[in-house]
Amino acid sequence: MSNTKDTIIGQLKIQKQKLHRVIDLQKDQLLQKQDKLDLERHRNQKQRFWTKTMTIVSVVLTGVIIIN
């Protein structure tokens, strides 16, 4: 009886360790995805800034050309 309990406890400990590894891997994957999203957001912000800036410059230059 004691041997069976020890075997079951040992198996449960192994399962617990495996579950902790899976959780750690999932956390790592989530952090990587978050980093990618942050980088993509930053790129999009830069792109919007330059699009707006170039649009304003184009409108101003067009107005200057039309006035002259």
PDB file of N, CA and C in Angstrom:
ATOM      1  N   MET A   1       0.820  -1.191   0.000  1.00  0.00           N
ATOM      2  CA  MET A   1       0.000   0.000   0.000  1.00  0.00           C
ATOM      3  C   MET A   1       0.869   1.262   0.000  1.00  0.00           C
ATOM      4  N   SER A   2       1.883   1.266   0.829  1.00  0.00           N
ATOM      5  CA  SER A   2       2.769   2.425   0.912  1.00  0.00           C
ATOM      6  C   SER A   2       3.526   2.621  -0.393  1.00  0.00           C
ATOM      7  N   ASN A   3       3.901   1.513  -1.012  1.00  0.00           N
ATOM      8  CA  ASN A   3       4.624   1.579  -2.284  1.00  0.00           C
ATOM      9  C   ASN A   3       3.744   2.195  -3.370  1.00  0.00           C
ATOM     10  N   THR A   4       2.478   1.840  -3.387  1.00  0.00           N
ATOM     11  CA  THR A   4       1.534   2.380  -4.368  1.00  0.00           C
ATOM     12  C   THR A   4       1.353   3.881  -4.160  1.00  0.00           C
ATOM     13  N   LYS A   5       1.234   4.296  -2.910  1.00  0.00           N
ATOM     14  CA  LYS A   5       1.088   5.721  -2.604  1.00  0.00           C
ATOM     15  C   LYS A   5       2.323   6.488  -3.079  1.00  0.00           C
ATOM     16  N   ASP A   6       3.499   5.932  -2.808  1.00  0.00           N
ATOM     17  CA  ASP A   6       4.734   6.595  -3.217  1.00  0.00           C
ATOM     18  C   ASP A   6       4.814   6.711  -4.742  1.00  0.00           C
ATOM     19  N   THR A   7       4.380   5.678  -5.434  1.00  0.00           N
ATOM     20  CA  THR A   7       4.391   5.692  -6.894  1.00  0.00           C
ATOM     21  C   THR A   7       3.437   6.760  -7.424  1.00  0.00           C
ATOM     22  N   ILE A   8       2.239   6.813  -6.870  1.00  0.00           N
ATOM     23  CA  ILE A   8       1.243   7.804  -7.296  1.00  0.00           C
ATOM     24  C   ILE A   8       1.736   9.213  -6.989  1.00  0.00           C
ATOM     25  N   ILE A   9       2.308   9.407  -5.809  1.00  0.00           N
ATOM     26  CA  ILE A   9       2.826  10.725  -5.443  1.00  0.00           C
ATOM     27  C   ILE A   9       3.959  11.130  -6.395  1.00  0.00           C
ATOM     28  N   GLY A  10       4.812  10.174  -6.719  1.00  0.00           N
ATOM     29  CA  GLY A  10       5.908  10.450  -7.658  1.00  0.00           C
ATOM     30  C   GLY A  10       5.382  10.851  -9.028  1.00  0.00           C
ATOM     31  N   GLN A  11       4.371  10.139  -9.519  1.00  0.00           N
ATOM     32  CA  GLN A  11       3.776  10.468 -10.818  1.00  0.00           C
ATOM     33  C   GLN A  11       3.117  11.846 -10.789  1.00  0.00           C
ATOM     34  N   LEU A  12       2.442  12.149  -9.709  1.00  0.00           N
ATOM     35  CA  LEU A  12       1.798  13.457  -9.593  1.00  0.00           C
ATOM     36  C   LEU A  12       2.829  14.586  -9.557  1.00  0.00           C
ATOM     37  N   LYS A  13       3.952  14.349  -8.887  1.00  0.00           N
ATOM     38  CA  LYS A  13       5.018  15.352  -8.857  1.00  0.00           C
ATOM     39  C   LYS A  13       5.573  15.588 -10.266  1.00  0.00           C
ATOM     40  N   ILE A  14       5.730  14.504 -11.017  1.00  0.00           N
ATOM     41  CA  ILE A  14       6.221  14.623 -12.395  1.00  0.00           C
ATOM     42  C   ILE A  14       5.217  15.407 -13.241  1.00  0.00           C
ATOM     43  N   GLN A  15       3.938  15.095 -13.087  1.00  0.00           N
ATOM     44  CA  GLN A  15       2.903  15.829 -13.826  1.00  0.00           C
ATOM     45  C   GLN A  15       2.915  17.311 -13.454  1.00  0.00           C
ATOM     46  N   LYS A  16       3.096  17.583 -12.186  1.00  0.00           N
ATOM     47  CA  LYS A  16       3.142  18.972 -11.724  1.00  0.00           C
ATOM     48  C   LYS A  16       4.320  19.700 -12.371  1.00  0.00           C
ATOM     49  N   GLN A  17       5.476  19.061 -12.420  1.00  0.00           N
ATOM     50  CA  GLN A  17       6.648  19.670 -13.049  1.00  0.00           C
ATOM     51  C   GLN A  17       6.406  19.937 -14.533  1.00  0.00           C
ATOM     52  N   LYS A  18       5.774  18.987 -15.201  1.00  0.00           N
ATOM     53  CA  LYS A  18       5.477  19.158 -16.626  1.00  0.00           C
ATOM     54  C   LYS A  18       4.504  20.313 -16.845  1.00  0.00           C
ATOM     55  N   LEU A  19       3.502  20.406 -15.995  1.00  0.00           N
ATOM     56  CA  LEU A  19       2.542  21.501 -16.114  1.00  0.00           C
ATOM     57  C   LEU A  19       3.211  22.854 -15.887  1.00  0.00           C
ATOM     58  N   HIS A  20       4.139  22.909 -14.937  1.00  0.00           N
ATOM     59  CA  HIS A  20       4.868  24.152 -14.696  1.00  0.00           C
ATOM     60  C   HIS A  20       5.712  24.533 -15.909  1.00  0.00           C
ATOM     61  N   ARG A  21       6.310  23.531 -16.553  1.00  0.00           N
ATOM     62  CA  ARG A  21       7.084  23.808 -17.782  1.00  0.00           C
ATOM     63  C   ARG A  21       6.189  24.347 -18.882  1.00  0.00           C
ATOM     64  N   VAL A  22       5.018  23.750 -19.030  1.00  0.00           N
ATOM     65  CA  VAL A  22       4.073  24.212 -20.058  1.00  0.00           C
ATOM     66  C   VAL A  22       3.649  25.653 -19.772  1.00  0.00           C
ATOM     67  N   ILE A  23       3.352  25.940 -18.525  1.00  0.00           N
ATOM     68  CA  ILE A  23       2.945  27.299 -18.148  1.00  0.00           C
ATOM     69  C   ILE A  23       4.069  28.288 -18.428  1.00  0.00           C
ATOM     70  N   ASP A  24       5.303  27.918 -18.089  1.00  0.00           N
ATOM     71  CA  ASP A  24       6.446  28.801 -18.354  1.00  0.00           C
ATOM     72  C   ASP A  24       6.618  29.048 -19.846  1.00  0.00           C
ATOM     73  N   LEU A  25       6.457  28.008 -20.655  1.00  0.00           N
ATOM     74  CA  LEU A  25       6.561  28.166 -22.110  1.00  0.00           C
ATOM     75  C   LEU A  25       5.467  29.087 -22.644  1.00  0.00           C
ATOM     76  N   GLN A  26       4.263  28.928 -22.128  1.00  0.00           N
ATOM     77  CA  GLN A  26       3.158  29.780 -22.561  1.00  0.00           C
ATOM     78  C   GLN A  26       3.404  31.232 -22.175  1.00  0.00           C
ATOM     79  N   LYS A  27       3.959  31.453 -20.983  1.00  0.00           N
ATOM     80  CA  LYS A  27       4.285  32.814 -20.562  1.00  0.00           C
ATOM     81  C   LYS A  27       5.323  33.420 -21.497  1.00  0.00           C
ATOM     82  N   ASP A  28       6.344  32.630 -21.836  1.00  0.00           N
ATOM     83  CA  ASP A  28       7.380  33.111 -22.753  1.00  0.00           C
ATOM     84  C   ASP A  28       6.784  33.465 -24.115  1.00  0.00           C
ATOM     85  N   GLN A  29       5.887  32.620 -24.613  1.00  0.00           N
ATOM     86  CA  GLN A  29       5.254  32.886 -25.904  1.00  0.00           C
ATOM     87  C   GLN A  29       4.420  34.159 -25.842  1.00  0.00           C
ATOM     88  N   LEU A  30       3.691  34.343 -24.755  1.00  0.00           N
ATOM     89  CA  LEU A  30       2.875  35.553 -24.601  1.00  0.00           C
ATOM     90  C   LEU A  30       3.748  36.802 -24.555  1.00  0.00           C
ATOM     91  N   LEU A  31       4.861  36.718 -23.852  1.00  0.00           N
ATOM     92  CA  LEU A  31       5.776  37.864 -23.782  1.00  0.00           C
ATOM     93  C   LEU A  31       6.359  38.181 -25.157  1.00  0.00           C
ATOM     94  N   GLN A  32       6.695  37.160 -25.924  1.00  0.00           N
ATOM     95  CA  GLN A  32       7.221  37.380 -27.268  1.00  0.00           C
ATOM     96  C   GLN A  32       6.167  38.030 -28.159  1.00  0.00           C
ATOM     97  N   LYS A  33       4.938  37.555 -28.053  1.00  0.00           N
ATOM     98  CA  LYS A  33       3.863  38.142 -28.848  1.00  0.00           C
ATOM     99  C   LYS A  33       3.615  39.593 -28.443  1.00  0.00           C
ATOM    100  N   GLN A  34       3.682  39.870 -27.144  1.00  0.00           N
ATOM    101  CA  GLN A  34       3.499  41.239 -26.664  1.00  0.00           C
ATOM    102  C   GLN A  34       4.600  42.146 -27.204  1.00  0.00           C
ATOM    103  N   ASP A  35       5.825  41.644 -27.209  1.00  0.00           N
ATOM    104  CA  ASP A  35       6.940  42.424 -27.754  1.00  0.00           C
ATOM    105  C   ASP A  35       6.735  42.720 -29.235  1.00  0.00           C
ATOM    106  N   LYS A  36       6.268  41.720 -29.978  1.00  0.00           N
ATOM    107  CA  LYS A  36       6.008  41.925 -31.406  1.00  0.00           C
ATOM    108  C   LYS A  36       4.904  42.962 -31.618  1.00  0.00           C
ATOM    109  N   LEU A  37       3.854  42.880 -30.807  1.00  0.00           N
ATOM    110  CA  LEU A  37       2.759  43.850 -30.926  1.00  0.00           C
ATOM    111  C   LEU A  37       3.230  45.264 -30.590  1.00  0.00           C
ATOM    112  N   ASP A  38       4.044  45.384 -29.560  1.00  0.00           N
ATOM    113  CA  ASP A  38       4.574  46.704 -29.191  1.00  0.00           C
ATOM    114  C   ASP A  38       5.426  47.277 -30.318  1.00  0.00           C
ATOM    115  N   LEU A  39       6.261  46.444 -30.915  1.00  0.00           N
ATOM    116  CA  LEU A  39       7.102  46.889 -32.019  1.00  0.00           C
ATOM    117  C   LEU A  39       6.251  47.302 -33.217  1.00  0.00           C
ATOM    118  N   GLU A  40       5.215  46.522 -33.508  1.00  0.00           N
ATOM    119  CA  GLU A  40       4.323  46.843 -34.624  1.00  0.00           C
ATOM    120  C   GLU A  40       3.577  48.157 -34.367  1.00  0.00           C
ATOM    121  N   ARG A  41       3.120  48.369 -33.140  1.00  0.00           N
ATOM    122  CA  ARG A  41       2.448  49.625 -32.793  1.00  0.00           C
ATOM    123  C   ARG A  41       3.379  50.816 -32.985  1.00  0.00           C
ATOM    124  N   HIS A  42       4.604  50.638 -32.547  1.00  0.00           N
ATOM    125  CA  HIS A  42       5.591  51.712 -32.687  1.00  0.00           C
ATOM    126  C   HIS A  42       5.838  52.028 -34.161  1.00  0.00           C
ATOM    127  N   ARG A  43       5.969  51.004 -34.978  1.00  0.00           N
ATOM    128  CA  ARG A  43       6.163  51.204 -36.421  1.00  0.00           C
ATOM    129  C   ARG A  43       4.958  51.911 -37.031  1.00  0.00           C
ATOM    130  N   ASN A  44       3.767  51.513 -36.636  1.00  0.00           N
ATOM    131  CA  ASN A  44       2.562  52.136 -37.172  1.00  0.00           C
ATOM    132  C   ASN A  44       2.477  53.606 -36.776  1.00  0.00           C
ATOM    133  N   GLN A  45       2.864  53.927 -35.549  1.00  0.00           N
ATOM    134  CA  GLN A  45       2.854  55.322 -35.107  1.00  0.00           C
ATOM    135  C   GLN A  45       3.823  56.150 -35.928  1.00  0.00           C
ATOM    136  N   LYS A  46       5.014  55.602 -36.169  1.00  0.00           N
ATOM    137  CA  LYS A  46       5.994  56.323 -36.987  1.00  0.00           C
ATOM    138  C   LYS A  46       5.468  56.518 -38.410  1.00  0.00           C
ATOM    139  N   GLN A  47       4.861  55.481 -38.956  1.00  0.00           N
ATOM    140  CA  GLN A  47       4.334  55.565 -40.316  1.00  0.00           C
ATOM    141  C   GLN A  47       3.222  56.614 -40.400  1.00  0.00           C
ATOM    142  N   ARG A  48       2.318  56.638 -39.431  1.00  0.00           N
ATOM    143  CA  ARG A  48       1.254  57.649 -39.424  1.00  0.00           C
ATOM    144  C   ARG A  48       1.823  59.061 -39.312  1.00  0.00           C
ATOM    145  N   PHE A  49       2.845  59.221 -38.469  1.00  0.00           N
ATOM    146  CA  PHE A  49       3.465  60.526 -38.318  1.00  0.00           C
ATOM    147  C   PHE A  49       4.020  61.007 -39.654  1.00  0.00           C
ATOM    148  N   TRP A  50       4.770  60.135 -40.333  1.00  0.00           N
ATOM    149  CA  TRP A  50       5.374  60.546 -41.606  1.00  0.00           C
ATOM    150  C   TRP A  50       4.325  60.739 -42.693  1.00  0.00           C
ATOM    151  N   THR A  51       3.267  59.955 -42.675  1.00  0.00           N
ATOM    152  CA  THR A  51       2.192  60.136 -43.660  1.00  0.00           C
ATOM    153  C   THR A  51       1.531  61.500 -43.460  1.00  0.00           C
ATOM    154  N   LYS A  52       1.207  61.833 -42.217  1.00  0.00           N
ATOM    155  CA  LYS A  52       0.589  63.131 -41.930  1.00  0.00           C
ATOM    156  C   LYS A  52       1.535  64.274 -42.299  1.00  0.00           C
ATOM    157  N   THR A  53       2.792  64.141 -41.922  1.00  0.00           N
ATOM    158  CA  THR A  53       3.775  65.188 -42.209  1.00  0.00           C
ATOM    159  C   THR A  53       3.923  65.409 -43.706  1.00  0.00           C
ATOM    160  N   MET A  54       4.037  64.344 -44.454  1.00  0.00           N
ATOM    161  CA  MET A  54       4.213  64.468 -45.906  1.00  0.00           C
ATOM    162  C   MET A  54       2.940  65.012 -46.564  1.00  0.00           C
ATOM    163  N   THR A  55       1.789  64.660 -46.032  1.00  0.00           N
ATOM    164  CA  THR A  55       0.538  65.201 -46.570  1.00  0.00           C
ATOM    165  C   THR A  55       0.488  66.713 -46.362  1.00  0.00           C
ATOM    166  N   ILE A  56       0.843  67.155 -45.173  1.00  0.00           N
ATOM    167  CA  ILE A  56       0.837  68.593 -44.883  1.00  0.00           C
ATOM    168  C   ILE A  56       1.839  69.317 -45.778  1.00  0.00           C
ATOM    169  N   VAL A  57       3.028  68.764 -45.909  1.00  0.00           N
ATOM    170  CA  VAL A  57       4.046  69.382 -46.770  1.00  0.00           C
ATOM    171  C   VAL A  57       3.543  69.449 -48.208  1.00  0.00           C
ATOM    172  N   SER A  58       2.920  68.389 -48.685  1.00  0.00           N
ATOM    173  CA  SER A  58       2.401  68.365 -50.058  1.00  0.00           C
ATOM    174  C   SER A  58       1.317  69.417 -50.268  1.00  0.00           C
ATOM    175  N   VAL A  59       0.416  69.543 -49.300  1.00  0.00           N
ATOM    176  CA  VAL A  59      -0.654  70.533 -49.406  1.00  0.00           C
ATOM    177  C   VAL A  59      -0.076  71.942 -49.413  1.00  0.00           C
ATOM    178  N   VAL A  60       0.879  72.207 -48.535  1.00  0.00           N
ATOM    179  CA  VAL A  60       1.497  73.532 -48.478  1.00  0.00           C
ATOM    180  C   VAL A  60       2.228  73.836 -49.778  1.00  0.00           C
ATOM    181  N   LEU A  61       3.004  72.896 -50.275  1.00  0.00           N
ATOM    182  CA  LEU A  61       3.728  73.123 -51.530  1.00  0.00           C
ATOM    183  C   LEU A  61       2.778  73.315 -52.702  1.00  0.00           C
ATOM    184  N   THR A  62       1.701  72.547 -52.737  1.00  0.00           N
ATOM    185  CA  THR A  62       0.699  72.707 -53.797  1.00  0.00           C
ATOM    186  C   THR A  62       0.088  74.103 -53.724  1.00  0.00           C
ATOM    187  N   GLY A  63      -0.231  74.558 -52.495  1.00  0.00           N
ATOM    188  CA  GLY A  63      -0.797  75.898 -52.327  1.00  0.00           C
ATOM    189  C   GLY A  63       0.177  76.952 -52.773  1.00  0.00           C
ATOM    190  N   VAL A  64       1.466  76.801 -52.450  1.00  0.00           N
ATOM    191  CA  VAL A  64       2.470  77.778 -52.862  1.00  0.00           C
ATOM    192  C   VAL A  64       2.593  77.811 -54.375  1.00  0.00           C
ATOM    193  N   ILE A  65       2.583  76.649 -55.005  1.00  0.00           N
ATOM    194  CA  ILE A  65       2.698  76.587 -56.470  1.00  0.00           C
ATOM    195  C   ILE A  65       1.473  77.220 -57.130  1.00  0.00           C
ATOM    196  N   ILE A  66       0.282  76.968 -56.597  1.00  0.00           N
ATOM    197  CA  ILE A  66      -0.937  77.520 -57.180  1.00  0.00           C
ATOM    198  C   ILE A  66      -0.962  79.040 -57.020  1.00  0.00           C
ATOM    199  N   ILE A  67      -0.523  79.543 -55.871  1.00  0.00           N
ATOM    200  CA  ILE A  67      -0.531  80.991 -55.631  1.00  0.00           C
ATOM    201  C   ILE A  67       0.443  81.683 -56.577  1.00  0.00           C
ATOM    202  N   ASN A  68       1.577  81.082 -56.824  1.00  0.00           N
ATOM    203  CA  ASN A  68       2.578  81.695 -57.721  1.00  0.00           C
ATOM    204  C   ASN A  68       2.136  81.486 -59.123  1.00  0.00           C
TER     205      ASN A  68
END
